[in-house]
Each structure stands twice: as C-alpha cells, then as structure tokens.
Amino acid sequence: MHMDVIDLRDFYGRPLGQVARTLITRRIGEIWPDVRGLNVAGLGFATPYLSPFQGQAQRVIGLMPAQQGVLAWPANGRHLTCLVDEAEIPLPDESMDRVLLVHGLEGSEAVRSMMRQIWRVLAPGGRLLIVAPNRRGLWSRREGTPFGIGQPFSRSQLTQLMRENMFSPTRWETALYVPPIQWRPFLQSAGVWEQVGHALWTRFSGVIMVEAGKQIYAATPQPKRRLARRMRALSPAPIPQGMQTQHRQDES
C-alpha cells in the first residue's frame, strides 16, 4: 500500500524529513555524479531527490503511482510530474537513461509488472537506482515516516528481485543512520551518525540503495542436430511399392 502523497509531502517538510533527504541525496550524487545529456525519471515519490538533476540532465520527469496521488513539481516553472499506472508506464521503449525508484517498491501491489515496465523504458546501458527501507534498520520500524510503511527489504531480497526481473546489481550503498527521532541534538549530529554508521553499522542503515543495469539476452540458436531431425521429419517420403499399386487402383 502506497503512502498518501500529502503525508509524503508533509514528512519532507519537517526537520526529520529534510535530514533524510539531505543524507540520501548526498549518496545518490555519489552514485550518479554526472547525468549531463541524459533522460532521468523518478518513480514513486522521488521528486525530493530529483532537483539536483535539473539543469544538468536533458530531461527530468516524476512519475507518481495512482494509488499514491500526484503533486505538482517543481513549484516554479513547467510541471514535470504526472500520475501513472505503475504496471503501464506511459513512456516509449528505451527512452530513459536513469530511473530512480524511491517510495515505490515497498508499497507496490504489482512489483513484477512495475519492474518489467522499468526494464522496458530503460535504454541499453541505462541504470536503475532503488532506494528501499532496510529490514534491519530503525527507520523501517517507525510508522511515522514513509520508510516505515509497506514492506522493508534485505540485501538478499533485493538481489533476488533483480534477478527475477532481468536486472544485474552493479553497486550497493547505504544511508540514513541517524535515529528517526524528532530531537534536535540527533538531527544536528546527523553527519556524524552517517560517518560512524558507514564505518561500524552498515547492516543497520535506514535504507539500502542498489544500482542495477538491465540484462539483455540474445536469442538461443537452435541446435543443428535437432533442426536436421525436424527437417527430415518434414521431408517427403516415397510410398512403399505395395501401397503404390493400391493407390493407382483407387484412383482408377
């Protein structure tokens, strides 16, 4: 079940949400440091993390699931968001170079269909980046945040999900080690929490981030032996001598 778009907006408007956005955006920037000339799509509620790509990417759009709702983004200028069916993304085949999935996987009721749609719209050599709540982290246990809604994931579960939907993981990262508490000392020391967490508590991050590329399989050629056998089976065969005489009598 997707979290309502108004609740998502309100979360990112609060200090805790602003800290989460800063920490995750920093990690996304390390994974995708240069998107000049690329087409970037955000699926789920990814708009808080798309702003750094504006003015750098050739095209940036936000796709928001119908079950969640849609908000206009950005606040100024032409709106770049639209409401979509996650199982039928209205984009041409191989039209996106990067797809960022945030607050989309854990609430989806059609994960397989959504992943296949992402595979379809990604260009050859394109990359998918998933930001998912960590099953072992504190954030997945806090229902007051969007990371505590829906299904959290472990690294092995995400790996299996990639394999089942024709993606190959290329990079793993973690983020969000500060406790999900609206307490100023914690929020002010979020940077320290990140440094210590990356050094000591990587399994207990708030989110797991996996970058993946699409797998493209070539058609498997048919074995020559099997093909020759089928050709022989379809080749005309002579009528036996006794049957030839019977066949002429029947015709006369």
C-alpha atoms as a PDB file:
ATOM      1  CA  MET A   1       0.000   0.000   0.000  1.00  0.00           C
ATOM      2  CA  HIS A   2       1.366   3.383  -1.038  1.00  0.00           C
ATOM      3  CA  MET A   3       1.533   6.242   1.442  1.00  0.00           C
ATOM      4  CA  ASP A   4      -0.662   9.209   0.558  1.00  0.00           C
ATOM      5  CA  VAL A   5       1.112  11.937  -1.367  1.00  0.00           C
ATOM      6  CA  ILE A   6       0.069  14.603   1.143  1.00  0.00           C
ATOM      7  CA  ASP A   7       1.631  12.653   4.013  1.00  0.00           C
ATOM      8  CA  LEU A   8       4.824  12.255   1.990  1.00  0.00           C
ATOM      9  CA  ARG A   9       4.927  15.964   1.278  1.00  0.00           C
ATOM     10  CA  ASP A  10       4.377  16.804   4.946  1.00  0.00           C
ATOM     11  CA  PHE A  11       7.128  14.410   6.050  1.00  0.00           C
ATOM     12  CA  TYR A  12       9.694  16.047   3.797  1.00  0.00           C
ATOM     13  CA  GLY A  13       8.581  19.434   5.040  1.00  0.00           C
ATOM     14  CA  ARG A  14       9.559  18.567   8.632  1.00  0.00           C
ATOM     15  CA  PRO A  15      13.117  18.671  10.032  1.00  0.00           C
ATOM     16  CA  LEU A  16      13.419  14.871  10.131  1.00  0.00           C
ATOM     17  CA  GLY A  17      12.368  14.597   6.504  1.00  0.00           C
ATOM     18  CA  GLN A  18      14.765  17.349   5.479  1.00  0.00           C
ATOM     19  CA  VAL A  19      17.630  15.499   7.139  1.00  0.00           C
ATOM     20  CA  ALA A  20      16.635  12.241   5.411  1.00  0.00           C
ATOM     21  CA  ARG A  21      16.504  13.988   2.054  1.00  0.00           C
ATOM     22  CA  THR A  22      19.925  15.579   2.552  1.00  0.00           C
ATOM     23  CA  LEU A  23      21.620  12.319   3.525  1.00  0.00           C
ATOM     24  CA  ILE A  24      20.052  10.233   0.765  1.00  0.00           C
ATOM     25  CA  THR A  25      20.585  12.924  -1.880  1.00  0.00           C
ATOM     26  CA  ARG A  26      24.262  13.037  -0.975  1.00  0.00           C
ATOM     27  CA  ARG A  27      24.576   9.293  -1.572  1.00  0.00           C
ATOM     28  CA  ILE A  28      22.643   9.451  -4.848  1.00  0.00           C
ATOM     29  CA  GLY A  29      25.027  12.147  -6.023  1.00  0.00           C
ATOM     30  CA  GLU A  30      27.966   9.836  -5.343  1.00  0.00           C
ATOM     31  CA  ILE A  31      26.381   7.047  -7.389  1.00  0.00           C
ATOM     32  CA  TRP A  32      25.275   9.293 -10.263  1.00  0.00           C
ATOM     33  CA  PRO A  33      27.706  12.219 -10.201  1.00  0.00           C
ATOM     34  CA  ASP A  34      27.162  13.203 -13.841  1.00  0.00           C
ATOM     35  CA  VAL A  35      23.864  12.968 -15.733  1.00  0.00           C
ATOM     36  CA  ARG A  36      24.606  15.622 -18.348  1.00  0.00           C
ATOM     37  CA  GLY A  37      22.633  14.975 -21.514  1.00  0.00           C
ATOM     38  CA  LEU A  38      20.716  12.041 -20.011  1.00  0.00           C
ATOM     39  CA  ASN A  39      16.998  11.420 -19.533  1.00  0.00           C
ATOM     40  CA  VAL A  40      16.118  10.849 -15.859  1.00  0.00           C
ATOM     41  CA  ALA A  41      12.802   9.575 -14.474  1.00  0.00           C
ATOM     42  CA  GLY A  42      11.792   9.320 -10.830  1.00  0.00           C
ATOM     43  CA  LEU A  43       9.145   6.729  -9.954  1.00  0.00           C
ATOM     44  CA  GLY A  44       7.202   6.630  -6.676  1.00  0.00           C
ATOM     45  CA  PHE A  45       7.741   9.791  -4.654  1.00  0.00           C
ATOM     46  CA  ALA A  46      11.159  10.687  -5.978  1.00  0.00           C
ATOM     47  CA  THR A  47      10.738  14.427  -6.512  1.00  0.00           C
ATOM     48  CA  PRO A  48      12.611  15.416  -3.314  1.00  0.00           C
ATOM     49  CA  TYR A  49      15.664  13.762  -4.889  1.00  0.00           C
ATOM     50  CA  LEU A  50      15.271  14.935  -8.494  1.00  0.00           C
ATOM     51  CA  SER A  51      16.039  18.623  -8.005  1.00  0.00           C
ATOM     52  CA  PRO A  52      19.859  18.216  -8.277  1.00  0.00           C
ATOM     53  CA  PHE A  53      19.392  16.761 -11.781  1.00  0.00           C
ATOM     54  CA  GLN A  54      17.516  19.786 -13.103  1.00  0.00           C
ATOM     55  CA  GLY A  55      19.677  21.963 -15.303  1.00  0.00           C
ATOM     56  CA  GLN A  56      22.096  19.070 -15.751  1.00  0.00           C
ATOM     57  CA  ALA A  57      20.076  16.250 -17.310  1.00  0.00           C
ATOM     58  CA  GLN A  58      18.477  16.658 -20.711  1.00  0.00           C
ATOM     59  CA  ARG A  59      15.094  15.667 -19.331  1.00  0.00           C
ATOM     60  CA  VAL A  60      13.765  15.080 -15.797  1.00  0.00           C
ATOM     61  CA  ILE A  61      10.273  13.766 -15.030  1.00  0.00           C
ATOM     62  CA  GLY A  62       8.480  12.490 -11.925  1.00  0.00           C
ATOM     63  CA  LEU A  63       6.079   9.544 -12.236  1.00  0.00           C
ATOM     64  CA  MET A  64       3.719   9.098  -9.286  1.00  0.00           C
ATOM     65  CA  PRO A  65       1.555   5.961  -8.835  1.00  0.00           C
ATOM     66  CA  ALA A  66      -2.198   6.430  -8.999  1.00  0.00           C
ATOM     67  CA  GLN A  67      -2.663   4.766  -5.589  1.00  0.00           C
ATOM     68  CA  GLN A  68      -0.435   7.436  -4.043  1.00  0.00           C
ATOM     69  CA  GLY A  69      -1.612  10.571  -5.818  1.00  0.00           C
ATOM     70  CA  VAL A  70       0.295  13.320  -7.557  1.00  0.00           C
ATOM     71  CA  LEU A  71       1.641  16.748  -6.637  1.00  0.00           C
ATOM     72  CA  ALA A  72       2.810  19.471  -8.975  1.00  0.00           C
ATOM     73  CA  TRP A  73       6.605  19.714  -9.175  1.00  0.00           C
ATOM     74  CA  PRO A  74       8.635  21.859  -9.292  1.00  0.00           C
ATOM     75  CA  ALA A  75       6.989  24.789  -7.553  1.00  0.00           C
ATOM     76  CA  ASN A  76       8.108  27.221 -10.238  1.00  0.00           C
ATOM     77  CA  GLY A  77       8.049  26.773 -13.985  1.00  0.00           C
ATOM     78  CA  ARG A  78       6.596  23.973 -16.056  1.00  0.00           C
ATOM     79  CA  HIS A  79       5.282  20.997 -14.079  1.00  0.00           C
ATOM     80  CA  LEU A  80       7.281  17.816 -14.628  1.00  0.00           C
ATOM     81  CA  THR A  81       5.127  15.263 -12.782  1.00  0.00           C
ATOM     82  CA  CYS A  82       2.309  13.001 -13.911  1.00  0.00           C
ATOM     83  CA  LEU A  83       0.008  10.347 -12.452  1.00  0.00           C
ATOM     84  CA  VAL A  84       0.675   6.842 -13.797  1.00  0.00           C
ATOM     85  CA  ASP A  85      -0.323   3.227 -13.514  1.00  0.00           C
ATOM     86  CA  GLU A  86       2.868   1.598 -12.267  1.00  0.00           C
ATOM     87  CA  ALA A  87       2.068  -1.501 -14.337  1.00  0.00           C
ATOM     88  CA  GLU A  88       1.718   0.564 -17.547  1.00  0.00           C
ATOM     89  CA  ILE A  89       4.217   3.406 -17.507  1.00  0.00           C
ATOM     90  CA  PRO A  90       3.357   5.804 -20.383  1.00  0.00           C
ATOM     91  CA  LEU A  91       6.877   6.169 -21.762  1.00  0.00           C
ATOM     92  CA  PRO A  92       8.341   4.847 -25.027  1.00  0.00           C
ATOM     93  CA  ASP A  93      10.613   1.824 -25.033  1.00  0.00           C
ATOM     94  CA  GLU A  94      14.265   2.540 -24.158  1.00  0.00           C
ATOM     95  CA  SER A  95      13.553   6.237 -23.603  1.00  0.00           C
ATOM     96  CA  MET A  96      15.203   6.707 -20.163  1.00  0.00           C
ATOM     97  CA  ASP A  97      18.881   6.579 -19.236  1.00  0.00           C
ATOM     98  CA  ARG A  98      18.290   6.659 -15.471  1.00  0.00           C
ATOM     99  CA  VAL A  99      15.310   5.600 -13.347  1.00  0.00           C
ATOM    100  CA  LEU A 100      15.241   6.469  -9.653  1.00  0.00           C
ATOM    101  CA  LEU A 101      12.755   4.405  -7.608  1.00  0.00           C
ATOM    102  CA  VAL A 102      12.002   5.916  -4.180  1.00  0.00           C
ATOM    103  CA  HIS A 103       8.918   5.215  -2.029  1.00  0.00           C
ATOM    104  CA  GLY A 104       7.654   2.982  -4.811  1.00  0.00           C
ATOM    105  CA  LEU A 105       8.876  -0.560  -4.318  1.00  0.00           C
ATOM    106  CA  GLU A 106       7.832  -1.096  -0.696  1.00  0.00           C
ATOM    107  CA  GLY A 107       4.229  -0.038  -1.306  1.00  0.00           C
ATOM    108  CA  SER A 108       3.656  -1.574  -4.727  1.00  0.00           C
ATOM    109  CA  GLU A 109       0.951  -4.186  -5.228  1.00  0.00           C
ATOM    110  CA  ALA A 110       2.310  -5.067  -8.688  1.00  0.00           C
ATOM    111  CA  VAL A 111       6.053  -5.313  -8.151  1.00  0.00           C
ATOM    112  CA  ARG A 112       6.771  -7.683 -11.033  1.00  0.00           C
ATOM    113  CA  SER A 113       4.765  -5.630 -13.539  1.00  0.00           C
ATOM    114  CA  MET A 114       6.389  -2.412 -12.346  1.00  0.00           C
ATOM    115  CA  MET A 115       9.894  -3.854 -12.639  1.00  0.00           C
ATOM    116  CA  ARG A 116       9.191  -5.100 -16.144  1.00  0.00           C
ATOM    117  CA  GLN A 117       7.951  -1.643 -17.106  1.00  0.00           C
ATOM    118  CA  ILE A 118      11.135  -0.085 -15.764  1.00  0.00           C
ATOM    119  CA  TRP A 119      13.145  -2.625 -17.760  1.00  0.00           C
ATOM    120  CA  ARG A 120      11.195  -1.699 -20.883  1.00  0.00           C
ATOM    121  CA  VAL A 121      11.698   2.066 -20.650  1.00  0.00           C
ATOM    122  CA  LEU A 122      15.407   1.859 -19.766  1.00  0.00           C
ATOM    123  CA  ALA A 123      17.781   2.371 -22.661  1.00  0.00           C
ATOM    124  CA  PRO A 124      20.604  -0.125 -23.278  1.00  0.00           C
ATOM    125  CA  GLY A 125      23.320   0.781 -20.811  1.00  0.00           C
ATOM    126  CA  GLY A 126      20.777   2.593 -18.621  1.00  0.00           C
ATOM    127  CA  ARG A 127      20.712   2.320 -14.852  1.00  0.00           C
ATOM    128  CA  LEU A 128      18.020   1.775 -12.230  1.00  0.00           C
ATOM    129  CA  LEU A 129      18.637   3.029  -8.684  1.00  0.00           C
ATOM    130  CA  ILE A 130      16.364   1.685  -5.937  1.00  0.00           C
ATOM    131  CA  VAL A 131      16.161   3.306  -2.505  1.00  0.00           C
ATOM    132  CA  ALA A 132      14.400   0.827  -0.207  1.00  0.00           C
ATOM    133  CA  PRO A 133      13.842   0.650   3.563  1.00  0.00           C
ATOM    134  CA  ASN A 134      16.301  -1.680   5.269  1.00  0.00           C
ATOM    135  CA  ARG A 135      14.604  -4.553   7.095  1.00  0.00           C
ATOM    136  CA  ARG A 136      17.218  -4.384   9.874  1.00  0.00           C
ATOM    137  CA  GLY A 137      17.183  -0.614  10.293  1.00  0.00           C
ATOM    138  CA  LEU A 138      15.331   1.526  12.828  1.00  0.00           C
ATOM    139  CA  TRP A 139      13.553   3.531  10.142  1.00  0.00           C
ATOM    140  CA  SER A 140      11.531   0.530   8.930  1.00  0.00           C
ATOM    141  CA  ARG A 141      10.123   0.202  12.463  1.00  0.00           C
ATOM    142  CA  ARG A 142       8.931   3.801  12.683  1.00  0.00           C
ATOM    143  CA  GLU A 143       5.488   4.126  11.129  1.00  0.00           C
ATOM    144  CA  GLY A 144       5.570   7.898  11.382  1.00  0.00           C
ATOM    145  CA  THR A 145       7.932   8.018   8.400  1.00  0.00           C
ATOM    146  CA  PRO A 146       7.426   6.772   4.820  1.00  0.00           C
ATOM    147  CA  PHE A 147      10.280   4.312   5.364  1.00  0.00           C
ATOM    148  CA  GLY A 148       8.124   2.516   7.944  1.00  0.00           C
ATOM    149  CA  ILE A 149       5.184   1.955   5.571  1.00  0.00           C
ATOM    150  CA  GLY A 150       4.952  -1.156   3.419  1.00  0.00           C
ATOM    151  CA  GLN A 151       7.495  -3.932   3.017  1.00  0.00           C
ATOM    152  CA  PRO A 152      11.137  -3.368   4.007  1.00  0.00           C
ATOM    153  CA  PHE A 153      13.889  -5.316   2.247  1.00  0.00           C
ATOM    154  CA  SER A 154      17.162  -7.050   2.955  1.00  0.00           C
ATOM    155  CA  ARG A 155      20.073  -7.062   0.540  1.00  0.00           C
ATOM    156  CA  SER A 156      19.422 -10.699  -0.379  1.00  0.00           C
ATOM    157  CA  GLN A 157      15.761  -9.934  -1.129  1.00  0.00           C
ATOM    158  CA  LEU A 158      16.722  -7.070  -3.417  1.00  0.00           C
ATOM    159  CA  THR A 159      19.269  -9.283  -5.163  1.00  0.00           C
ATOM    160  CA  GLN A 160      16.599 -11.902  -5.791  1.00  0.00           C
ATOM    161  CA  LEU A 161      14.198  -9.237  -7.028  1.00  0.00           C
ATOM    162  CA  MET A 162      16.800  -8.015  -9.524  1.00  0.00           C
ATOM    163  CA  ARG A 163      17.490 -11.499 -10.849  1.00  0.00           C
ATOM    164  CA  GLU A 164      13.819 -12.327 -11.268  1.00  0.00           C
ATOM    165  CA  ASN A 165      13.225  -9.182 -13.329  1.00  0.00           C
ATOM    166  CA  MET A 166      16.245  -9.166 -15.642  1.00  0.00           C
ATOM    167  CA  PHE A 167      18.471  -6.703 -13.776  1.00  0.00           C
ATOM    168  CA  SER A 168      22.059  -7.109 -12.608  1.00  0.00           C
ATOM    169  CA  PRO A 169      23.185  -5.207  -9.468  1.00  0.00           C
ATOM    170  CA  THR A 170      26.234  -3.080 -10.172  1.00  0.00           C
ATOM    171  CA  ARG A 171      26.641  -1.115  -6.938  1.00  0.00           C
ATOM    172  CA  TRP A 172      25.387  -1.171  -3.355  1.00  0.00           C
ATOM    173  CA  GLU A 173      25.252   1.742  -0.904  1.00  0.00           C
ATOM    174  CA  THR A 174      23.605   2.535   2.428  1.00  0.00           C
ATOM    175  CA  ALA A 175      22.366   5.729   4.055  1.00  0.00           C
ATOM    176  CA  LEU A 176      20.307   7.113   6.935  1.00  0.00           C
ATOM    177  CA  TYR A 177      21.932   6.063  10.194  1.00  0.00           C
ATOM    178  CA  VAL A 178      20.600   8.852  12.378  1.00  0.00           C
ATOM    179  CA  PRO A 179      17.697   7.566  14.543  1.00  0.00           C
ATOM    180  CA  PRO A 180      14.236   8.549  13.223  1.00  0.00           C
ATOM    181  CA  ILE A 181      13.537  10.847  16.151  1.00  0.00           C
ATOM    182  CA  GLN A 182      12.459  14.483  16.003  1.00  0.00           C
ATOM    183  CA  TRP A 183      15.068  15.568  18.540  1.00  0.00           C
ATOM    184  CA  ARG A 184      17.291  18.479  17.651  1.00  0.00           C
ATOM    185  CA  PRO A 185      20.610  17.096  19.010  1.00  0.00           C
ATOM    186  CA  PHE A 186      20.190  13.960  16.874  1.00  0.00           C
ATOM    187  CA  LEU A 187      19.286  15.947  13.778  1.00  0.00           C
ATOM    188  CA  GLN A 188      22.157  18.370  14.233  1.00  0.00           C
ATOM    189  CA  SER A 189      24.617  15.479  14.526  1.00  0.00           C
ATOM    190  CA  ALA A 190      23.233  13.551  11.501  1.00  0.00           C
ATOM    191  CA  GLY A 191      26.536  13.866   9.641  1.00  0.00           C
ATOM    192  CA  VAL A 192      28.404  12.215  12.491  1.00  0.00           C
ATOM    193  CA  TRP A 193      25.846   9.411  12.614  1.00  0.00           C
ATOM    194  CA  GLU A 194      26.425   8.794   8.912  1.00  0.00           C
ATOM    195  CA  GLN A 195      30.186   8.591   9.271  1.00  0.00           C
ATOM    196  CA  VAL A 196      30.052   6.256  12.254  1.00  0.00           C
ATOM    197  CA  GLY A 197      27.309   4.143  10.688  1.00  0.00           C
ATOM    198  CA  HIS A 198      29.251   3.587   7.475  1.00  0.00           C
ATOM    199  CA  ALA A 199      32.262   2.539   9.500  1.00  0.00           C
ATOM    200  CA  LEU A 200      30.581   0.289  12.066  1.00  0.00           C
ATOM    201  CA  TRP A 201      26.879  -0.401  11.412  1.00  0.00           C
ATOM    202  CA  THR A 202      26.414  -0.890   7.680  1.00  0.00           C
ATOM    203  CA  ARG A 203      23.805  -3.619   8.246  1.00  0.00           C
ATOM    204  CA  PHE A 204      21.592  -1.270  10.239  1.00  0.00           C
ATOM    205  CA  SER A 205      21.211   1.640   7.842  1.00  0.00           C
ATOM    206  CA  GLY A 206      17.818   3.205   7.340  1.00  0.00           C
ATOM    207  CA  VAL A 207      17.838   2.495   3.609  1.00  0.00           C
ATOM    208  CA  ILE A 208      19.584   0.164   1.196  1.00  0.00           C
ATOM    209  CA  MET A 209      20.456   1.551  -2.224  1.00  0.00           C
ATOM    210  CA  VAL A 210      21.152  -0.687  -5.199  1.00  0.00           C
ATOM    211  CA  GLU A 211      22.094   0.411  -8.686  1.00  0.00           C
ATOM    212  CA  ALA A 212      21.359  -2.113 -11.427  1.00  0.00           C
ATOM    213  CA  GLY A 213      21.643  -2.458 -15.184  1.00  0.00           C
ATOM    214  CA  LYS A 214      19.173  -4.254 -17.432  1.00  0.00           C
ATOM    215  CA  GLN A 215      20.086  -7.690 -18.740  1.00  0.00           C
ATOM    216  CA  ILE A 216      19.679  -8.224 -22.469  1.00  0.00           C
ATOM    217  CA  TYR A 217      19.618 -11.826 -23.617  1.00  0.00           C
ATOM    218  CA  ALA A 218      20.365 -12.906 -27.166  1.00  0.00           C
ATOM    219  CA  ALA A 219      18.127 -15.479 -28.814  1.00  0.00           C
ATOM    220  CA  THR A 220      19.439 -19.003 -28.306  1.00  0.00           C
ATOM    221  CA  PRO A 221      20.272 -20.611 -31.679  1.00  0.00           C
ATOM    222  CA  GLN A 222      18.595 -23.937 -32.359  1.00  0.00           C
ATOM    223  CA  PRO A 223      20.979 -26.933 -32.251  1.00  0.00           C
ATOM    224  CA  LYS A 224      21.811 -28.211 -35.754  1.00  0.00           C
ATOM    225  CA  ARG A 225      21.089 -31.825 -34.764  1.00  0.00           C
ATOM    226  CA  ARG A 226      17.560 -31.003 -33.651  1.00  0.00           C
ATOM    227  CA  LEU A 227      16.971 -28.819 -36.713  1.00  0.00           C
ATOM    228  CA  ALA A 228      18.170 -31.578 -39.064  1.00  0.00           C
ATOM    229  CA  ARG A 229      15.891 -34.082 -37.319  1.00  0.00           C
ATOM    230  CA  ARG A 230      12.893 -31.786 -37.807  1.00  0.00           C
ATOM    231  CA  MET A 231      13.786 -31.235 -41.462  1.00  0.00           C
ATOM    232  CA  ARG A 232      13.922 -34.985 -42.061  1.00  0.00           C
ATOM    233  CA  ALA A 233      10.566 -35.413 -40.383  1.00  0.00           C
ATOM    234  CA  LEU A 234       9.037 -32.852 -42.742  1.00  0.00           C
ATOM    235  CA  SER A 235      10.722 -34.161 -45.919  1.00  0.00           C
ATOM    236  CA  PRO A 236       8.512 -36.091 -48.397  1.00  0.00           C
ATOM    237  CA  ALA A 237       8.935 -39.868 -48.206  1.00  0.00           C
ATOM    238  CA  PRO A 238       8.321 -42.334 -51.114  1.00  0.00           C
ATOM    239  CA  ILE A 239       5.228 -44.547 -50.956  1.00  0.00           C
ATOM    240  CA  PRO A 240       6.095 -48.239 -50.426  1.00  0.00           C
ATOM    241  CA  GLN A 241       5.777 -50.492 -53.552  1.00  0.00           C
ATOM    242  CA  GLY A 242       2.676 -52.322 -52.367  1.00  0.00           C
ATOM    243  CA  MET A 243       0.870 -49.135 -51.475  1.00  0.00           C
ATOM    244  CA  GLN A 244       1.692 -47.594 -54.898  1.00  0.00           C
ATOM    245  CA  THR A 245      -0.328 -50.353 -56.692  1.00  0.00           C
ATOM    246  CA  GLN A 246      -3.256 -49.899 -54.303  1.00  0.00           C
ATOM    247  CA  HIS A 247      -3.088 -46.126 -54.770  1.00  0.00           C
ATOM    248  CA  ARG A 248      -3.335 -46.440 -58.623  1.00  0.00           C
ATOM    249  CA  GLN A 249      -6.334 -48.822 -58.342  1.00  0.00           C
ATOM    250  CA  ASP A 250      -8.101 -46.374 -56.038  1.00  0.00           C
ATOM    251  CA  GLU A 251      -7.515 -43.504 -58.474  1.00  0.00           C
ATOM    252  CA  SER A 252      -8.895 -45.523 -61.421  1.00  0.00           C
END
